[in-house]
Amino acid sequence: MPQDGPFRPLATEDDLQDALRHSDDEPVVFYKHSSTCPISAQAEDEMKSLLSNSGAPPVYELVVQESRDMSDRIAEHFSIRHETPQAIVVSDGEPVFNASHHDVTAASVRQAAS
């Protein structure tokens, strides 16, 4: 499926499995956010900024209002409490970094993924 915008979809079990497989080759970012929250809008700008640099990790996006079940599935899978906005860096199928709210920055995610 073609991706819309800078982010890859993370709305279905197939998307989750694709992201986990991709994390075996390089770190990936799971970016969960609300489409109505100003803090999420700021975090989205940070994730777009991250992707504007060469060598940035792929960012898989989940909009909570559209995929709450998948958000809960990810929280359960990684044993990480659901928050929004939230960025989880995954490498080899395991979370190596987790940030939420104002801590979701391009710099922190870039550092965690390198």
N, C-alpha and C. Protein backbone atom coordinates (compact mmCIF):
# COMPACT_ATOMS: atom_id res chain seq x y z
N MET A 1 0.85 -1.18 0.00
CA MET A 1 0.00 0.00 0.00
C MET A 1 0.89 1.24 0.00
N PRO A 2 0.60 2.25 -0.84
CA PRO A 2 1.40 3.46 -0.83
C PRO A 2 1.18 4.24 0.45
N GLN A 3 2.22 4.90 0.89
CA GLN A 3 2.08 5.68 2.12
C GLN A 3 1.68 7.10 1.80
N ASP A 4 0.84 7.68 2.65
CA ASP A 4 0.44 9.07 2.51
C ASP A 4 1.35 9.91 3.40
N GLY A 5 1.96 10.92 2.85
CA GLY A 5 2.80 11.79 3.65
C GLY A 5 4.12 11.13 4.01
N PRO A 6 4.78 11.71 5.01
CA PRO A 6 6.12 11.23 5.35
C PRO A 6 6.14 9.95 6.18
N PHE A 7 5.00 9.57 6.75
CA PHE A 7 4.97 8.45 7.68
C PHE A 7 4.41 7.19 7.03
N ARG A 8 4.85 6.05 7.57
CA ARG A 8 4.29 4.76 7.16
C ARG A 8 3.10 4.44 8.07
N PRO A 9 2.12 3.72 7.56
CA PRO A 9 0.94 3.44 8.38
C PRO A 9 1.22 2.40 9.47
N LEU A 10 0.55 2.58 10.59
CA LEU A 10 0.61 1.63 11.70
C LEU A 10 -0.80 1.52 12.29
N ALA A 11 -1.69 0.95 11.49
CA ALA A 11 -3.10 0.90 11.88
C ALA A 11 -3.65 -0.52 11.97
N THR A 12 -2.92 -1.49 11.42
CA THR A 12 -3.41 -2.87 11.39
C THR A 12 -2.35 -3.83 11.92
N GLU A 13 -2.76 -5.05 12.16
CA GLU A 13 -1.80 -6.08 12.59
C GLU A 13 -0.73 -6.29 11.52
N ASP A 14 -1.11 -6.23 10.25
CA ASP A 14 -0.13 -6.38 9.17
C ASP A 14 0.90 -5.24 9.22
N ASP A 15 0.43 -4.02 9.48
CA ASP A 15 1.36 -2.87 9.61
C ASP A 15 2.32 -3.11 10.76
N LEU A 16 1.81 -3.60 11.88
CA LEU A 16 2.66 -3.87 13.05
C LEU A 16 3.71 -4.91 12.71
N GLN A 17 3.31 -5.99 12.07
CA GLN A 17 4.26 -7.05 11.73
C GLN A 17 5.30 -6.55 10.73
N ASP A 18 4.88 -5.71 9.78
CA ASP A 18 5.81 -5.11 8.83
C ASP A 18 6.85 -4.26 9.56
N ALA A 19 6.38 -3.44 10.50
CA ALA A 19 7.29 -2.58 11.26
C ALA A 19 8.26 -3.41 12.09
N LEU A 20 7.77 -4.46 12.73
CA LEU A 20 8.64 -5.31 13.54
C LEU A 20 9.68 -6.01 12.67
N ARG A 21 9.28 -6.49 11.48
CA ARG A 21 10.25 -7.10 10.57
C ARG A 21 11.30 -6.08 10.14
N HIS A 22 10.84 -4.87 9.84
CA HIS A 22 11.76 -3.81 9.41
C HIS A 22 12.77 -3.50 10.52
N SER A 23 12.33 -3.60 11.78
CA SER A 23 13.22 -3.30 12.90
C SER A 23 14.36 -4.30 13.03
N ASP A 24 14.26 -5.44 12.34
CA ASP A 24 15.36 -6.40 12.33
C ASP A 24 16.53 -5.88 11.49
N ASP A 25 16.23 -4.99 10.54
CA ASP A 25 17.25 -4.46 9.64
C ASP A 25 17.81 -3.12 10.11
N GLU A 26 16.95 -2.32 10.72
CA GLU A 26 17.35 -0.99 11.21
C GLU A 26 16.32 -0.54 12.25
N PRO A 27 16.71 0.37 13.14
CA PRO A 27 15.73 0.88 14.11
C PRO A 27 14.58 1.58 13.38
N VAL A 28 13.39 1.44 13.93
CA VAL A 28 12.21 2.13 13.41
C VAL A 28 11.55 2.87 14.57
N VAL A 29 10.70 3.83 14.22
CA VAL A 29 10.00 4.62 15.23
C VAL A 29 8.51 4.35 15.12
N PHE A 30 7.90 4.02 16.25
CA PHE A 30 6.45 3.93 16.35
C PHE A 30 6.02 5.27 16.93
N TYR A 31 5.27 6.03 16.15
CA TYR A 31 4.82 7.35 16.58
C TYR A 31 3.30 7.32 16.73
N LYS A 32 2.84 7.42 17.97
CA LYS A 32 1.41 7.40 18.28
C LYS A 32 0.99 8.81 18.70
N HIS A 33 -0.15 9.27 18.14
CA HIS A 33 -0.58 10.62 18.48
C HIS A 33 -2.08 10.79 18.31
N SER A 34 -2.56 11.89 18.84
CA SER A 34 -3.95 12.30 18.72
C SER A 34 -4.06 13.35 17.62
N SER A 35 -5.11 13.26 16.83
CA SER A 35 -5.29 14.24 15.76
C SER A 35 -5.87 15.56 16.26
N THR A 36 -6.20 15.64 17.56
CA THR A 36 -6.84 16.85 18.08
C THR A 36 -6.04 17.53 19.19
N CYS A 37 -4.89 17.02 19.54
CA CYS A 37 -4.12 17.53 20.68
C CYS A 37 -3.00 18.47 20.22
N PRO A 38 -2.88 19.67 20.81
CA PRO A 38 -1.81 20.58 20.42
C PRO A 38 -0.41 20.03 20.71
N ILE A 39 -0.26 19.26 21.77
CA ILE A 39 1.05 18.67 22.06
C ILE A 39 1.39 17.65 20.99
N SER A 40 0.39 16.91 20.52
CA SER A 40 0.61 15.96 19.43
C SER A 40 1.01 16.68 18.15
N ALA A 41 0.43 17.84 17.91
CA ALA A 41 0.80 18.61 16.71
C ALA A 41 2.27 19.03 16.78
N GLN A 42 2.71 19.41 17.96
CA GLN A 42 4.12 19.76 18.14
C GLN A 42 5.00 18.54 17.92
N ALA A 43 4.60 17.39 18.46
CA ALA A 43 5.37 16.15 18.28
C ALA A 43 5.40 15.74 16.80
N GLU A 44 4.30 15.97 16.09
CA GLU A 44 4.28 15.64 14.67
C GLU A 44 5.29 16.49 13.90
N ASP A 45 5.38 17.76 14.25
CA ASP A 45 6.39 18.62 13.64
C ASP A 45 7.79 18.08 13.91
N GLU A 46 8.01 17.58 15.12
CA GLU A 46 9.32 17.00 15.47
C GLU A 46 9.61 15.76 14.63
N MET A 47 8.61 14.91 14.43
CA MET A 47 8.82 13.69 13.64
C MET A 47 9.05 14.04 12.18
N LYS A 48 8.37 15.06 11.66
CA LYS A 48 8.61 15.50 10.28
C LYS A 48 10.02 16.07 10.16
N SER A 49 10.45 16.79 11.19
CA SER A 49 11.81 17.33 11.21
C SER A 49 12.83 16.20 11.21
N LEU A 50 12.57 15.17 11.97
CA LEU A 50 13.45 13.99 12.01
C LEU A 50 13.61 13.42 10.61
N LEU A 51 12.50 13.28 9.90
CA LEU A 51 12.54 12.67 8.57
C LEU A 51 13.15 13.57 7.51
N SER A 52 13.31 14.84 7.82
CA SER A 52 13.90 15.75 6.84
C SER A 52 15.41 15.58 6.73
N ASN A 53 15.99 14.82 7.65
CA ASN A 53 17.44 14.57 7.62
C ASN A 53 17.71 13.22 6.98
N SER A 54 18.78 13.15 6.19
CA SER A 54 19.15 11.88 5.57
C SER A 54 19.55 10.90 6.66
N GLY A 55 19.28 9.65 6.42
CA GLY A 55 19.62 8.62 7.38
C GLY A 55 18.65 8.48 8.54
N ALA A 56 17.51 9.17 8.45
CA ALA A 56 16.51 9.09 9.53
C ALA A 56 15.86 7.71 9.51
N PRO A 57 15.49 7.21 10.69
CA PRO A 57 14.80 5.93 10.73
C PRO A 57 13.39 6.07 10.18
N PRO A 58 12.82 4.99 9.66
CA PRO A 58 11.42 5.03 9.22
C PRO A 58 10.51 5.32 10.41
N VAL A 59 9.47 6.11 10.19
CA VAL A 59 8.51 6.44 11.23
C VAL A 59 7.16 5.84 10.85
N TYR A 60 6.66 4.97 11.71
CA TYR A 60 5.35 4.35 11.55
C TYR A 60 4.36 5.11 12.42
N GLU A 61 3.31 5.63 11.80
CA GLU A 61 2.38 6.52 12.48
C GLU A 61 1.06 5.82 12.81
N LEU A 62 0.61 6.07 14.04
CA LEU A 62 -0.69 5.59 14.49
C LEU A 62 -1.47 6.77 15.05
N VAL A 63 -2.62 7.05 14.45
CA VAL A 63 -3.52 8.09 14.96
C VAL A 63 -4.49 7.38 15.90
N VAL A 64 -4.44 7.74 17.17
CA VAL A 64 -5.17 6.99 18.20
C VAL A 64 -6.67 6.98 17.94
N GLN A 65 -7.24 8.10 17.49
CA GLN A 65 -8.68 8.15 17.24
C GLN A 65 -9.11 7.15 16.16
N GLU A 66 -8.20 6.82 15.26
CA GLU A 66 -8.52 5.91 14.17
C GLU A 66 -8.18 4.46 14.48
N SER A 67 -7.26 4.23 15.41
CA SER A 67 -6.76 2.87 15.64
C SER A 67 -6.47 2.64 17.12
N ARG A 68 -7.43 2.91 17.98
CA ARG A 68 -7.20 2.75 19.42
C ARG A 68 -6.88 1.30 19.78
N ASP A 69 -7.54 0.35 19.12
CA ASP A 69 -7.25 -1.06 19.39
C ASP A 69 -5.78 -1.39 19.10
N MET A 70 -5.25 -0.87 18.00
CA MET A 70 -3.85 -1.12 17.67
C MET A 70 -2.93 -0.42 18.66
N SER A 71 -3.31 0.76 19.11
CA SER A 71 -2.52 1.45 20.13
C SER A 71 -2.43 0.61 21.40
N ASP A 72 -3.57 0.06 21.80
CA ASP A 72 -3.58 -0.81 22.98
C ASP A 72 -2.76 -2.07 22.74
N ARG A 73 -2.82 -2.60 21.54
CA ARG A 73 -2.05 -3.81 21.19
C ARG A 73 -0.56 -3.54 21.30
N ILE A 74 -0.12 -2.38 20.83
CA ILE A 74 1.30 -2.02 20.91
C ILE A 74 1.72 -1.85 22.36
N ALA A 75 0.89 -1.18 23.15
CA ALA A 75 1.20 -1.00 24.57
C ALA A 75 1.36 -2.36 25.25
N GLU A 76 0.45 -3.27 24.95
CA GLU A 76 0.52 -4.62 25.54
C GLU A 76 1.73 -5.39 25.03
N HIS A 77 1.98 -5.32 23.73
CA HIS A 77 3.09 -6.07 23.12
C HIS A 77 4.43 -5.68 23.74
N PHE A 78 4.64 -4.39 23.96
CA PHE A 78 5.91 -3.90 24.48
C PHE A 78 5.91 -3.68 25.98
N SER A 79 4.77 -3.88 26.63
CA SER A 79 4.63 -3.58 28.07
C SER A 79 5.01 -2.14 28.37
N ILE A 80 4.54 -1.24 27.51
CA ILE A 80 4.76 0.19 27.67
C ILE A 80 3.40 0.86 27.75
N ARG A 81 3.18 1.62 28.80
CA ARG A 81 1.91 2.29 28.99
C ARG A 81 1.60 3.22 27.82
N HIS A 82 0.36 3.19 27.35
CA HIS A 82 -0.08 4.06 26.26
C HIS A 82 -0.08 5.52 26.71
N GLU A 83 0.51 6.38 25.88
CA GLU A 83 0.43 7.82 26.08
C GLU A 83 0.36 8.46 24.70
N THR A 84 -0.10 9.70 24.65
CA THR A 84 -0.07 10.43 23.38
C THR A 84 0.32 11.87 23.65
N PRO A 85 1.15 12.39 22.80
CA PRO A 85 1.90 11.69 21.77
C PRO A 85 2.97 10.80 22.40
N GLN A 86 3.40 9.83 21.63
CA GLN A 86 4.40 8.88 22.13
C GLN A 86 5.27 8.42 20.97
N ALA A 87 6.56 8.33 21.22
CA ALA A 87 7.51 7.78 20.24
C ALA A 87 8.24 6.62 20.90
N ILE A 88 8.23 5.49 20.22
CA ILE A 88 8.92 4.29 20.70
C ILE A 88 9.89 3.88 19.60
N VAL A 89 11.17 3.83 19.92
CA VAL A 89 12.16 3.36 18.97
C VAL A 89 12.31 1.86 19.20
N VAL A 90 12.19 1.10 18.10
CA VAL A 90 12.23 -0.36 18.16
C VAL A 90 13.39 -0.85 17.31
N SER A 91 14.20 -1.71 17.90
CA SER A 91 15.32 -2.33 17.20
C SER A 91 15.29 -3.82 17.49
N ASP A 92 15.42 -4.62 16.44
CA ASP A 92 15.35 -6.09 16.59
C ASP A 92 14.09 -6.52 17.34
N GLY A 93 12.98 -5.84 17.06
CA GLY A 93 11.70 -6.21 17.64
C GLY A 93 11.49 -5.79 19.08
N GLU A 94 12.46 -5.07 19.66
CA GLU A 94 12.38 -4.68 21.07
C GLU A 94 12.45 -3.16 21.22
N PRO A 95 11.69 -2.61 22.16
CA PRO A 95 11.78 -1.17 22.38
C PRO A 95 13.12 -0.80 23.03
N VAL A 96 13.77 0.22 22.49
CA VAL A 96 15.04 0.69 23.05
C VAL A 96 14.92 2.12 23.56
N PHE A 97 13.76 2.74 23.31
CA PHE A 97 13.53 4.12 23.72
C PHE A 97 12.04 4.37 23.72
N ASN A 98 11.58 5.16 24.70
CA ASN A 98 10.18 5.50 24.80
C ASN A 98 10.09 6.92 25.36
N ALA A 99 9.38 7.79 24.67
CA ALA A 99 9.19 9.16 25.15
C ALA A 99 7.75 9.57 24.88
N SER A 100 7.27 10.49 25.69
CA SER A 100 5.91 10.98 25.47
C SER A 100 5.84 12.48 25.71
N HIS A 101 4.75 13.03 25.26
CA HIS A 101 4.43 14.45 25.41
C HIS A 101 5.57 15.33 24.88
N HIS A 102 6.05 16.28 25.67
CA HIS A 102 7.07 17.23 25.20
C HIS A 102 8.44 16.58 25.03
N ASP A 103 8.61 15.33 25.49
CA ASP A 103 9.88 14.64 25.33
C ASP A 103 10.03 14.00 23.95
N VAL A 104 8.97 14.06 23.13
CA VAL A 104 9.04 13.53 21.76
C VAL A 104 9.68 14.61 20.91
N THR A 105 10.99 14.48 20.72
CA THR A 105 11.74 15.45 19.91
C THR A 105 12.55 14.73 18.86
N ALA A 106 12.80 15.43 17.77
CA ALA A 106 13.63 14.85 16.70
C ALA A 106 15.00 14.45 17.24
N ALA A 107 15.58 15.31 18.07
CA ALA A 107 16.93 15.05 18.60
C ALA A 107 16.96 13.79 19.47
N SER A 108 15.99 13.63 20.36
CA SER A 108 16.01 12.47 21.26
C SER A 108 15.76 11.18 20.49
N VAL A 109 14.86 11.22 19.52
CA VAL A 109 14.58 10.02 18.73
C VAL A 109 15.77 9.68 17.85
N ARG A 110 16.36 10.70 17.22
CA ARG A 110 17.54 10.46 16.38
C ARG A 110 18.66 9.80 17.18
N GLN A 111 18.91 10.32 18.38
CA GLN A 111 19.96 9.77 19.22
C GLN A 111 19.65 8.33 19.60
N ALA A 112 18.42 8.05 19.96
CA ALA A 112 18.04 6.69 20.38
C ALA A 112 18.12 5.70 19.22
N ALA A 113 17.90 6.18 18.01
CA ALA A 113 17.91 5.30 16.84
C ALA A 113 19.29 5.10 16.23
N SER A 114 20.27 5.86 16.72
CA SER A 114 21.61 5.74 16.11
C SER A 114 22.48 4.74 16.82
